Protein backbone atom coordinates (compact mmCIF):
# COMPACT_ATOMS: atom_id res chain seq x y z
CA MET A 1 -24.14 43.90 -20.31
CA GLN A 2 -25.51 40.54 -21.47
CA ILE A 3 -26.25 37.69 -19.07
CA THR A 4 -26.54 34.16 -20.42
CA GLU A 5 -28.02 31.35 -18.34
CA ILE A 6 -25.98 28.16 -18.47
CA THR A 7 -27.98 25.06 -17.57
CA ALA A 8 -26.13 21.90 -16.70
CA VAL A 9 -27.20 18.89 -18.71
CA LYS A 10 -27.05 15.57 -16.97
CA PRO A 11 -25.27 12.92 -19.02
CA LYS A 12 -27.50 10.07 -20.09
CA SER A 13 -26.75 6.67 -18.66
CA ASP A 14 -27.56 3.26 -20.04
CA LYS A 15 -27.51 1.77 -16.58
CA PRO A 16 -30.93 0.91 -15.15
CA VAL A 17 -32.23 2.92 -12.19
CA ARG A 18 -31.74 0.94 -8.99
CA LEU A 19 -35.22 0.70 -7.49
CA ALA A 20 -36.31 -0.25 -3.99
CA ALA A 21 -39.92 -0.84 -2.96
CA TYR A 22 -41.21 -0.20 0.54
CA CYS A 23 -44.51 -1.55 1.82
CA ARG A 24 -46.19 -1.90 5.21
CA VAL A 25 -49.27 -3.46 6.74
CA SER A 26 -50.53 -2.16 10.06
CA SER A 27 -51.76 -5.36 11.75
CA ASP A 28 -51.42 -9.13 11.78
CA SER A 29 -55.00 -9.73 10.67
CA GLU A 30 -55.75 -12.12 7.82
CA ASP A 31 -56.88 -9.36 5.43
CA GLN A 32 -53.76 -7.33 6.10
CA LEU A 33 -51.59 -10.39 5.55
CA HIS A 34 -53.18 -10.82 2.13
CA SER A 35 -52.43 -7.15 1.48
CA PHE A 36 -48.80 -7.74 2.44
CA ALA A 37 -48.51 -10.63 0.00
CA ALA A 38 -50.22 -8.63 -2.74
CA GLN A 39 -47.79 -5.74 -2.32
CA ILE A 40 -44.76 -8.05 -2.65
CA ARG A 41 -46.22 -9.58 -5.82
CA TYR A 42 -47.10 -6.14 -7.19
CA TYR A 43 -43.59 -4.73 -6.89
CA SER A 44 -42.04 -7.88 -8.32
CA GLU A 45 -44.27 -7.41 -11.39
CA TYR A 46 -43.48 -3.69 -11.45
CA GLU A 47 -39.83 -4.40 -12.29
CA ARG A 48 -40.81 -6.72 -15.12
CA LYS A 49 -43.11 -4.10 -16.67
CA HIS A 50 -40.55 -1.28 -16.34
CA PRO A 51 -37.23 -2.37 -17.91
CA GLU A 52 -35.62 0.96 -16.99
CA TYR A 53 -35.59 -0.21 -13.37
CA ALA A 54 -33.52 -2.86 -11.61
CA LEU A 55 -35.22 -3.93 -8.39
CA VAL A 56 -32.67 -3.97 -5.55
CA ASP A 57 -34.96 -5.25 -2.82
CA ILE A 58 -38.47 -5.17 -1.41
CA TYR A 59 -38.48 -3.79 2.13
CA ALA A 60 -41.61 -4.84 3.96
CA ASP A 61 -42.59 -4.11 7.56
CA GLU A 62 -45.40 -6.08 9.15
CA GLY A 63 -47.64 -5.27 12.08
CA LEU A 64 -45.88 -2.05 13.11
CA THR A 65 -47.08 1.41 14.00
CA GLY A 66 -47.01 4.07 11.30
CA THR A 67 -46.39 6.90 13.75
CA ASP A 68 -42.83 6.06 14.75
CA MET A 69 -40.20 5.26 12.14
CA LYS A 70 -37.68 4.01 14.70
CA LYS A 71 -39.74 0.85 15.24
CA ARG A 72 -39.58 -0.17 11.58
CA ASP A 73 -36.69 -2.58 11.07
CA GLU A 74 -37.12 -2.80 7.31
CA GLN A 75 -37.46 0.94 6.77
CA ASN A 76 -34.30 1.50 8.80
CA ARG A 77 -32.54 -1.13 6.66
CA LEU A 78 -33.79 0.65 3.53
CA ILE A 79 -32.31 3.96 4.68
CA ARG A 80 -29.01 2.29 5.56
CA ASP A 81 -28.82 0.77 2.06
CA CYS A 82 -29.53 4.21 0.56
CA LYS A 83 -26.62 5.66 2.54
CA LYS A 84 -24.40 2.87 1.20
CA GLY A 85 -25.21 3.96 -2.36
CA LYS A 86 -27.17 0.83 -3.31
CA ILE A 87 -30.41 2.61 -4.27
CA ASP A 88 -31.38 5.45 -6.66
CA ARG A 89 -35.15 5.51 -6.26
CA ILE A 90 -37.78 4.33 -3.79
CA ILE A 91 -41.37 3.53 -4.68
CA VAL A 92 -44.12 3.56 -2.02
CA LYS A 93 -47.87 3.03 -2.31
CA SER A 94 -48.76 6.21 -0.40
CA VAL A 95 -47.38 8.78 2.01
CA SER A 96 -49.23 7.17 4.93
CA ARG A 97 -47.49 3.84 4.20
CA PHE A 98 -44.13 5.59 4.54
CA ALA A 99 -44.94 7.60 7.69
CA ARG A 100 -47.83 9.16 9.57
CA ASN A 101 -45.67 11.62 11.47
CA THR A 102 -45.07 14.70 9.30
CA GLU A 103 -41.94 15.83 11.12
CA GLU A 104 -40.17 12.48 10.78
CA LEU A 105 -41.40 12.12 7.20
CA LEU A 106 -39.86 15.41 6.09
CA THR A 107 -36.62 14.72 7.98
CA THR A 108 -36.26 11.37 6.20
CA LEU A 109 -37.10 12.79 2.78
CA ARG A 110 -34.57 15.60 3.23
CA LEU A 111 -31.94 13.01 4.13
CA LEU A 112 -32.75 10.89 1.09
CA LYS A 113 -32.73 13.92 -1.18
CA SER A 114 -29.33 15.00 0.15
CA ILE A 115 -27.80 11.66 -0.89
CA GLY A 116 -29.48 11.66 -4.30
CA VAL A 117 -32.31 9.21 -3.65
CA SER A 118 -35.78 10.11 -4.92
CA VAL A 119 -39.09 8.80 -3.61
CA TYR A 120 -42.23 8.21 -5.67
CA PHE A 121 -45.58 8.02 -3.88
CA GLU A 122 -47.94 6.22 -6.25
CA GLU A 123 -51.28 7.15 -4.71
CA GLN A 124 -50.52 10.89 -4.57
CA GLY A 125 -48.44 10.90 -7.76
CA ILE A 126 -45.64 12.73 -5.93
CA GLU A 127 -42.03 12.51 -7.09
CA THR A 128 -39.70 14.19 -4.63
CA ASP A 129 -37.03 14.93 -7.23
CA LYS A 130 -39.41 16.95 -9.41
CA LEU A 131 -41.69 18.79 -6.99
CA ASN A 132 -41.21 21.12 -4.03
CA MET A 133 -41.04 18.50 -1.32
CA GLU A 134 -41.62 20.87 1.59
CA MET A 135 -44.93 22.08 0.15
CA ILE A 136 -46.31 18.99 -1.51
CA VAL A 137 -45.51 16.24 0.95
CA THR A 138 -46.59 18.13 4.06
CA PHE A 139 -50.28 18.15 3.13
CA PRO A 140 -50.85 14.39 2.75
CA GLY A 141 -48.45 13.85 5.63
CA MET A 142 -50.47 16.15 7.87
CA ALA A 143 -53.70 14.45 6.80
CA ALA A 144 -52.25 11.04 7.62
CA GLN A 145 -50.95 12.36 10.95
CA GLN A 146 -54.38 13.71 11.84
CA GLU A 147 -55.90 10.35 10.89
CA SER A 148 -53.45 8.59 13.19
CA VAL A 149 -54.23 10.97 16.06
CA SER A 150 -57.97 10.46 15.51
CA ILE A 151 -57.66 6.65 15.46
CA SER A 152 -55.52 6.72 18.59
CA GLY A 153 -58.04 8.96 20.35
CA ASN A 154 -60.90 6.62 19.49
CA MET A 155 -58.94 3.65 20.81
CA ARG A 156 -58.11 5.48 24.07
CA TRP A 157 -61.80 6.38 24.53
CA SER A 158 -62.81 2.75 23.89
CA TYR A 159 -60.23 1.42 26.38
CA GLN A 160 -61.28 3.98 28.99
CA LYS A 161 -64.98 3.05 28.77
CA ARG A 162 -64.21 -0.66 28.92
CA MET A 163 -61.99 -0.14 31.96
CA GLU A 164 -64.72 1.82 33.73
CA SER A 165 -67.22 -0.96 33.08
CA GLY A 166 -64.75 -3.73 33.99
CA ASP A 167 -64.97 -5.29 30.51
CA PHE A 168 -61.40 -4.50 29.51
CA ASN A 169 -58.90 -7.31 29.94
CA CYS A 170 -55.56 -6.56 28.29
CA CYS A 171 -53.91 -6.09 24.91
CA SER A 172 -50.82 -8.18 25.57
CA PRO A 173 -50.97 -11.15 27.97
CA ALA A 174 -48.48 -11.40 30.84
CA TYR A 175 -45.97 -14.23 30.86
CA GLY A 176 -47.84 -17.37 31.90
CA TYR A 177 -51.02 -16.51 29.99
CA SER A 178 -52.42 -16.66 26.46
CA LEU A 179 -55.13 -14.31 25.21
CA ILE A 180 -57.90 -16.40 23.65
CA ASP A 181 -61.14 -14.72 22.50
CA GLY A 182 -60.39 -11.77 24.76
CA GLN A 183 -59.86 -13.92 27.86
CA LEU A 184 -56.63 -14.76 29.71
CA VAL A 185 -55.93 -18.50 29.79
CA PRO A 186 -52.95 -19.97 31.73
CA LYS A 187 -50.24 -21.66 29.64
CA ASP A 188 -49.05 -24.89 31.24
CA ASP A 189 -45.29 -24.52 30.59
CA GLU A 190 -45.06 -20.83 31.53
CA MET A 191 -47.45 -21.22 34.46
CA LYS A 192 -45.02 -23.70 36.06
CA VAL A 193 -42.19 -21.17 35.74
CA VAL A 194 -44.29 -18.46 37.41
CA CYS A 195 -45.17 -20.76 40.31
CA ARG A 196 -41.53 -21.70 40.67
CA ILE A 197 -40.44 -18.05 40.79
CA PHE A 198 -42.88 -17.33 43.64
CA SER A 199 -41.77 -20.48 45.48
CA LEU A 200 -38.05 -19.68 45.13
CA TYR A 201 -38.55 -16.16 46.42
CA LEU A 202 -40.49 -17.39 49.45
CA GLN A 203 -37.59 -19.80 50.12
CA GLY A 204 -35.32 -16.79 50.53
CA ILE A 205 -33.71 -16.68 47.07
CA GLY A 206 -33.35 -13.12 45.73
CA THR A 207 -34.51 -11.88 42.35
CA GLN A 208 -30.97 -11.69 40.95
CA ASN A 209 -30.25 -15.32 41.86
CA ILE A 210 -33.62 -16.49 40.53
CA ALA A 211 -32.84 -14.82 37.19
CA LYS A 212 -29.38 -16.41 37.16
CA LEU A 213 -30.87 -19.85 37.89
CA LEU A 214 -33.41 -19.59 35.04
CA ASN A 215 -30.71 -18.43 32.63
CA GLU A 216 -28.42 -21.32 33.58
CA GLU A 217 -31.25 -23.79 32.99
CA GLY A 218 -32.07 -22.22 29.63
CA ILE A 219 -35.70 -21.45 30.54
CA PRO A 220 -37.07 -19.52 27.52
CA ARG A 221 -38.75 -16.14 27.65
CA ARG A 222 -41.09 -14.62 25.12
CA TYR A 223 -40.68 -12.50 22.00
CA SER A 224 -37.11 -13.67 21.22
CA GLN A 225 -35.77 -12.22 24.49
CA LYS A 226 -32.79 -14.26 25.56
CA LYS A 227 -32.15 -13.51 29.23
CA TRP A 228 -33.96 -13.21 32.52
CA TYR A 229 -33.14 -10.18 34.66
CA ALA A 230 -33.82 -9.28 38.27
CA SER A 231 -36.22 -6.60 37.01
CA THR A 232 -38.15 -9.28 35.06
CA ILE A 233 -38.47 -11.44 38.17
CA LYS A 234 -39.53 -8.44 40.25
CA TYR A 235 -42.20 -7.55 37.68
CA ILE A 236 -43.65 -11.07 37.88
CA LEU A 237 -43.58 -11.11 41.69
CA THR A 238 -45.44 -7.78 41.91
CA ASN A 239 -47.98 -8.39 39.14
CA GLU A 240 -51.42 -8.82 40.68
CA ARG A 241 -52.56 -10.70 37.56
CA TYR A 242 -51.01 -13.86 38.97
CA MET A 243 -53.43 -13.90 41.92
CA GLY A 244 -56.38 -13.29 39.58
CA ASP A 245 -56.83 -9.52 39.94
CA ALA A 246 -56.02 -6.64 37.58
CA LEU A 247 -54.91 -3.06 38.12
CA LEU A 248 -55.85 -1.27 34.89
CA GLN A 249 -54.26 1.83 33.37
CA LYS A 250 -50.88 1.51 35.08
CA SER A 251 -49.56 3.33 32.03
CA PHE A 252 -51.14 5.28 29.20
CA THR A 253 -50.35 6.53 25.70
CA THR A 254 -49.82 10.25 25.14
CA GLU A 255 -52.36 12.11 23.01
CA THR A 256 -49.89 13.78 20.64
CA LEU A 257 -47.36 12.47 18.17
CA PRO A 258 -45.03 10.76 18.53
CA PHE A 259 -47.24 8.53 20.71
CA ARG A 260 -45.35 7.39 23.81
CA LYS A 261 -46.32 5.06 26.60
CA VAL A 262 -45.73 6.64 30.01
CA ARG A 263 -46.23 5.47 33.58
CA ASN A 264 -49.47 6.63 35.19
CA GLU A 265 -48.39 8.59 38.26
CA GLY A 266 -51.86 9.93 38.98
CA GLN A 267 -52.46 11.78 35.71
CA LEU A 268 -55.38 9.42 34.97
CA PRO A 269 -57.55 7.20 37.19
CA LYS A 270 -56.65 3.55 37.74
CA TYR A 271 -59.16 0.71 38.04
CA TYR A 272 -58.72 -2.34 40.26
CA VAL A 273 -60.72 -5.40 39.16
CA GLU A 274 -60.94 -8.39 41.48
CA ASN A 275 -61.15 -11.91 40.05
CA SER A 276 -60.62 -10.58 36.54
CA ASN A 277 -58.79 -13.66 35.26
CA PRO A 278 -57.76 -17.19 36.37
CA ALA A 279 -55.12 -17.11 39.11
CA ILE A 280 -51.75 -18.88 38.80
CA VAL A 281 -50.74 -18.44 42.44
CA GLY A 282 -52.97 -18.15 45.49
CA LYS A 283 -53.72 -14.79 47.09
CA ASP A 284 -51.99 -15.86 50.31
CA ALA A 285 -48.78 -16.72 48.47
CA TYR A 286 -48.90 -13.47 46.51
CA LYS A 287 -49.41 -11.38 49.65
CA ALA A 288 -46.67 -13.31 51.48
CA VAL A 289 -44.26 -12.32 48.69
CA GLN A 290 -45.26 -8.64 48.98
CA ASP A 291 -44.73 -8.76 52.77
CA LEU A 292 -41.31 -10.38 52.32
CA MET A 293 -40.32 -7.78 49.76
CA GLN A 294 -41.34 -5.00 52.12
CA SER A 295 -39.43 -6.51 55.05
CA ARG A 296 -36.31 -6.90 52.90
CA LYS A 297 -36.67 -3.32 51.74
CA SER A 298 -36.88 -2.05 55.31
CA GLY A 299 -34.06 -4.36 56.42
CA LYS A 300 -36.13 -6.23 59.04
CA GLY A 301 -35.12 -9.83 59.60
CA CYS A 302 -32.21 -9.56 57.18
CA LYS A 303 -28.50 -9.68 57.72
CA ARG A 304 -26.76 -6.38 57.28
CA LYS A 305 -25.41 -6.05 53.78
CA PRO A 306 -23.06 -3.50 52.16
CA ALA A 307 -24.54 -0.16 51.18
CA PRO A 308 -25.41 0.01 47.44
CA LEU A 309 -22.81 2.78 46.92
CA SER A 310 -19.94 0.78 48.44
CA GLY A 311 -17.12 0.56 45.91
CA LYS A 312 -19.11 2.51 43.29
CA LEU A 313 -18.18 6.15 44.02
CA ARG A 314 -14.72 7.16 42.85
CA CYS A 315 -12.50 10.23 42.96
CA PRO A 316 -11.47 11.56 39.51
CA GLU A 317 -8.07 12.75 40.82
CA CYS A 318 -6.66 9.95 42.98
CA GLY A 319 -8.91 7.15 41.73
CA ARG A 320 -9.76 5.96 45.27
CA VAL A 321 -13.25 4.88 46.26
CA PHE A 322 -15.42 6.92 48.60
CA ARG A 323 -16.29 5.89 52.13
CA ARG A 324 -19.47 6.58 54.08
CA GLN A 325 -19.63 9.05 56.96
CA ILE A 326 -22.63 9.62 59.23
CA THR A 327 -23.02 13.21 60.49
CA ASN A 328 -26.06 14.23 62.56
CA GLY A 329 -27.90 11.15 61.31
CA ILE A 330 -27.24 11.99 57.63
CA ALA A 331 -25.12 9.68 55.44
CA TYR A 332 -22.41 11.34 53.35
CA TRP A 333 -19.77 9.86 51.04
CA LEU A 334 -16.29 11.35 50.73
CA CYS A 335 -12.95 10.49 49.10
CA ASN A 336 -11.14 7.91 51.20
CA GLY A 337 -7.69 9.24 50.32
CA LYS A 338 -8.55 12.85 51.09
CA SER A 339 -10.28 12.06 54.37
CA ALA A 340 -7.29 9.95 55.50
CA GLY A 341 -4.87 12.74 54.56
CA VAL A 342 -2.86 10.56 52.17
CA THR A 343 -3.81 12.44 48.98
CA ASP A 344 -3.92 16.09 48.05
CA CYS A 345 -6.97 15.94 45.80
CA ARG A 346 -9.82 18.42 46.04
CA TYR A 347 -12.38 17.96 48.81
CA ARG A 348 -15.45 16.12 47.59
CA ARG A 349 -18.42 15.05 49.72
CA VAL A 350 -21.96 14.14 48.61
CA ARG A 351 -25.10 13.14 50.45
CA GLN A 352 -26.19 9.54 50.00
CA ASP A 353 -29.84 10.40 49.43
CA ALA A 354 -28.79 12.96 46.80
CA VAL A 355 -26.86 10.29 44.88
CA TYR A 356 -29.92 8.05 45.02
CA ASP A 357 -32.20 10.86 43.74
CA THR A 358 -29.72 11.77 41.01
CA PHE A 359 -29.55 8.15 39.86
CA MET A 360 -33.33 7.90 39.59
CA THR A 361 -33.46 11.21 37.69
CA MET A 362 -30.83 9.89 35.27
CA VAL A 363 -32.71 6.59 34.83
CA TYR A 364 -35.99 8.41 34.15
CA LYS A 365 -34.34 10.50 31.41
CA LEU A 366 -32.53 7.50 29.94
CA LYS A 367 -35.64 5.33 29.90
CA ASP A 368 -37.66 8.15 28.36
CA ASN A 369 -35.08 8.59 25.57
CA ARG A 370 -33.92 4.97 25.42
CA GLU A 371 -34.70 4.47 21.74
CA GLU A 372 -33.01 7.69 20.62
CA LEU A 373 -29.85 7.13 22.67
CA ILE A 374 -29.23 3.42 23.09
CA GLY A 375 -31.36 2.23 20.17
CA THR A 376 -29.53 4.50 17.73
CA LEU A 377 -26.14 3.31 18.99
CA ILE A 378 -27.21 -0.34 18.72
CA ARG A 379 -28.34 0.18 15.12
CA GLN A 380 -25.08 1.91 14.21
CA ILE A 381 -23.06 -1.01 15.58
CA GLU A 382 -25.33 -3.50 13.84
CA THR A 383 -24.77 -1.63 10.58
CA MET A 384 -20.99 -1.83 10.99
CA GLN A 385 -21.21 -5.51 11.82
CA SER A 386 -23.88 -6.41 9.30
CA LYS A 387 -23.18 -9.37 7.11
CA THR A 388 -22.95 -8.88 3.37
CA SER A 389 -25.80 -9.40 0.94
CA GLY A 390 -26.05 -13.04 2.06
CA ILE A 391 -28.41 -12.20 4.91
CA GLN A 392 -30.46 -9.86 2.72
CA ASP A 393 -30.92 -12.64 0.16
CA LYS A 394 -32.13 -14.99 2.91
CA VAL A 395 -34.53 -12.33 4.22
CA ARG A 396 -35.91 -11.81 0.71
CA GLN A 397 -36.42 -15.57 0.39
CA ILE A 398 -38.27 -15.64 3.70
CA ASP A 399 -40.43 -12.69 2.54
CA LYS A 400 -41.28 -14.63 -0.61
CA GLU A 401 -42.23 -17.70 1.43
CA ILE A 402 -44.47 -15.57 3.68
CA ALA A 403 -46.10 -14.00 0.62
CA ASP A 404 -46.69 -17.42 -0.99
CA LEU A 405 -48.26 -18.79 2.21
CA ALA A 406 -50.48 -15.73 2.51
CA ALA A 407 -51.58 -16.24 -1.10
CA GLN A 408 -52.41 -19.88 -0.29
CA ASN A 409 -54.42 -18.72 2.70
CA LEU A 410 -56.38 -16.34 0.48
CA VAL A 411 -57.24 -19.14 -1.97
CA ILE A 412 -58.34 -21.41 0.89
CA THR A 413 -60.52 -18.63 2.32
CA ARG A 414 -62.22 -18.07 -1.03
CA LEU A 415 -62.84 -21.81 -1.46
CA HIS A 416 -64.39 -21.96 2.00
CA THR A 417 -66.51 -18.84 1.39
CA SER A 418 -67.83 -20.31 -1.84
CA GLY A 419 -68.79 -23.52 -0.06
CA ILE A 420 -66.26 -25.76 -1.80
CA LEU A 421 -64.02 -26.36 1.23
CA PRO A 422 -65.62 -27.77 4.43
CA ALA A 423 -65.21 -25.80 7.66
CA ALA A 424 -63.11 -28.46 9.41
CA GLU A 425 -60.63 -28.70 6.56
CA TYR A 426 -60.54 -24.92 6.21
CA THR A 427 -59.72 -24.50 9.92
CA ALA A 428 -57.00 -27.14 9.82
CA GLN A 429 -55.30 -25.73 6.73
CA THR A 430 -55.41 -22.09 7.84
CA ALA A 431 -54.04 -23.08 11.27
CA GLU A 432 -51.13 -24.92 9.65
CA ILE A 433 -50.37 -21.98 7.36
CA GLY A 434 -50.59 -19.58 10.29
CA ASN A 435 -48.06 -21.64 12.27
CA ARG A 436 -45.67 -21.73 9.31
CA ILE A 437 -45.95 -17.96 8.83
CA THR A 438 -45.27 -17.40 12.54
CA ALA A 439 -42.17 -19.60 12.37
CA LEU A 440 -40.93 -17.72 9.29
CA ARG A 441 -41.41 -14.38 11.05
CA VAL A 442 -39.29 -15.56 13.97
CA LYS A 443 -36.65 -16.83 11.55
CA ARG A 444 -36.71 -13.52 9.65
CA LYS A 445 -36.26 -11.51 12.84
CA LYS A 446 -33.29 -13.65 13.88
CA LYS A 447 -31.65 -13.21 10.48
CA LEU A 448 -31.95 -9.45 10.66
CA ALA A 449 -30.56 -9.45 14.19
CA GLU A 450 -27.55 -11.66 13.42
CA ASP A 451 -24.20 -10.19 14.38
CA GLU A 452 -20.79 -11.36 15.53
CA ASP A 453 -21.80 -11.73 19.20
CA ASP A 454 -19.83 -8.66 20.10
CA ALA A 455 -19.73 -8.25 23.88
CA TRP A 456 -20.28 -4.50 23.68
CA LEU A 457 -23.36 -4.89 21.48
CA GLU A 458 -24.75 -7.57 23.78
CA SER A 459 -24.28 -5.40 26.86
CA LEU A 460 -26.01 -2.49 25.12
CA ARG A 461 -28.94 -4.72 24.28
CA GLU A 462 -29.01 -5.91 27.88
CA LEU A 463 -29.07 -2.31 29.13
CA SER A 464 -31.87 -1.44 26.70
CA GLU A 465 -33.96 -4.45 27.74
CA ILE A 466 -33.46 -3.80 31.48
CA LEU A 467 -34.55 -0.18 31.06
CA GLU A 468 -37.56 -1.20 28.97
CA GLU A 469 -38.78 -3.53 31.72
CA ALA A 470 -37.88 -1.27 34.67
CA GLU A 471 -40.74 0.35 36.56
CA VAL A 472 -39.27 3.78 37.32
CA THR A 473 -40.57 5.52 40.44
CA VAL A 474 -39.28 8.33 42.64
CA GLU A 475 -37.93 5.81 45.16
CA PHE A 476 -34.38 4.52 44.78
CA ASP A 477 -34.30 1.11 43.05
CA GLU A 478 -31.38 -0.80 44.55
CA GLU A 479 -31.76 -3.81 42.23
CA LEU A 480 -31.80 -1.64 39.12
CA PHE A 481 -28.78 0.28 40.42
CA GLY A 482 -26.82 -2.94 40.94
CA GLN A 483 -27.73 -4.20 37.49
CA ILE A 484 -26.71 -1.24 35.35
CA VAL A 485 -24.20 0.93 37.27
CA GLU A 486 -20.52 -0.02 37.05
CA SER A 487 -19.13 3.09 38.75
CA ILE A 488 -19.83 6.74 39.55
CA THR A 489 -17.21 9.46 39.26
CA VAL A 490 -17.82 12.38 41.64
CA GLU A 491 -16.59 15.11 39.28
CA ASP A 492 -17.16 17.72 41.96
CA ASN A 493 -19.68 18.42 44.70
CA THR A 494 -22.39 19.21 42.15
CA LYS A 495 -21.84 16.71 39.34
CA LEU A 496 -21.85 12.91 38.99
CA ILE A 497 -20.72 10.87 35.98
CA PHE A 498 -22.46 7.48 35.81
CA ARG A 499 -20.70 4.68 33.93
CA LEU A 500 -23.24 2.04 32.94
CA ILE A 501 -22.99 -1.39 31.36
CA GLY A 502 -22.44 -1.06 27.64
CA GLU A 503 -19.73 1.57 28.22
CA ILE A 504 -22.35 4.32 28.46
CA GLU A 505 -21.33 7.42 30.43
CA LEU A 506 -23.91 10.01 31.48
CA THR A 507 -23.38 13.20 33.46
CA GLU A 508 -26.06 14.43 35.87
CA GLN A 509 -26.18 17.51 38.07
CA ILE A 510 -26.89 17.16 41.79
CA SER A 511 -29.32 19.67 43.25
CA GLU A 512 -27.67 22.16 45.63
CA LYS A 513 -29.31 20.65 48.70
CA GLY A 514 -27.59 17.36 47.89
CA TRP A 515 -24.00 18.54 48.08
CA CYS A 516 -21.82 20.03 50.76
CA ARG A 517 -19.51 23.00 50.75
CA ARG A 518 -16.57 22.60 53.05
CA THR A 519 -16.81 24.98 55.95
C-alpha cells in the first residue's frame, strides 16, 4: 500500500495584502504624544516602502490601559473591520502594545486567525500565520502581564504610603475642581453649579428634580457626558470634598488581572483628611444636607409617599399589579387579582424586604459585569448603526492633524532646549498646541460615537452611565430603583424578573427566607 501526501497550493494573487497598523501610547504625557505621532508617521512610510501592502487604516489608541482590551475604542474598531473582511494582516510594534493580559491576547489572536487575519509583532519578529501561536505568543504576553502587575503593585504601594502620610490628594478631580500641580483648585463655572445643587436641595427640591432642572437648562457635565442623573446629584451632595475634607481609599484596584476598581467595604483601611483642599460649600451647609437626607430616608417631616414597589410588581399570568399587605408587622406583596378572588392564577406572595435585597444583589452583579453585558450590547448596536467609511476617513484626518501638531510640539521643544526659543514663547506655543490637540481628541471621540440617535441605544447608554456612577451598598437604594426599574415580574415565589431601561431583562433568585409558601 502506497500513501501519497497531497499538499494544497494556494493560488497566487496580484492583489496587494490589505494591511492595518495598530499602535498605542499609555499616557497623555508630552513624550508619549511624540511617540504617538512617530508611530503614525512610521506606518504611513511602511506602506510606501512595501508595495505588496495596501494600508487600510492606522488604528491608534491614546492614554488607555494595556490590561483591558474592552477600553480600547480603536482596537475594538480594528477587530470589527477584520470581521467585515476589510483586513488581511495587522502589524503591531510589540505584543505589549497589543495587550498585556495573556488570556485576552490569545482569545483575540484565535479569533483573528479563525477569520484569516494574521498579526505581525515587529519587536518579537512573530508572525501568527507561520508560528505556533499558543506557544510563541504566550511567553512575551506573560512577561508583559507580569510587568503590568508589577507596575500596578508599585503604584498601589505609592498611593498607600501617601495616603498614610496625608500627602495623597487625588488622581481625578471631582466636578467643580481642577488638579493643578497636584493641588485641587476650584473652577469658577463648575463651582457655581455645585453651590446651586446644595442650595436647591436645602430648599426642598429632590435629586431627581435637580437633575431634570440642570438638563433642561443645558448645564454641561464633564468628559462628554450628556445628562445629569439623580445618582450624579446624590454623589455631589455626599462628597466631603466640597466642604474641604477628603475620605481616601473609598475604592481600590484589585491586585490581579484584569485590574478592576471595587468599592472598599472594609477590605482595606480608609483615611479621613480634614482641610485637605479648598472648600466650595461651608461645613454647616454640607452637614445640613446630610441631616436632611437622613430625615427624608427615615420619613421624618415628610409627607407620606407611595411605596417604591407600587405599580412595579406584576403577575405573569393575569398581568395585574401586586398590592401590599402587612402581616404581623411584615410587609408582603401579592397579586391583586388573586387576593380579590377575581382571577384563577397561581398564588404568589413575596416579602418587601426580600425584593429590596434581591434588587441590590442584581444591581451589584450588573455593575460588576457592566462592561461585559451592557458595553458589549452597546458596541454591537453601534456596529450595526455605524456610518460607512465617511466617518473613518474623518477620524483618520483627525489622527493626522494630531500627529502633525505633536510633531510641531517636538520641534518647538527641541528649539527651546537648544536655547533658540525663549521660555515665554515656548510656553505660549506649547499651550496653544495642547489646546488644539485636546479639541481634536474631543472631536475624534464624538465622531466615533456618532449614531442615528436610536432611543434604545440612548437608554442603554443611560443605564450604563447610571450604574457606573451608582454607589452600591447593602442598603436598598430607592432613587436608583426608580431610575432603572420599569417593572418586576414575580415568576413564582422564588424568582423575580427585572425589566430595566434599555429593554434589559434579568432574572434573580429570592432566598428562601424571602418568600412565602401558602399554608
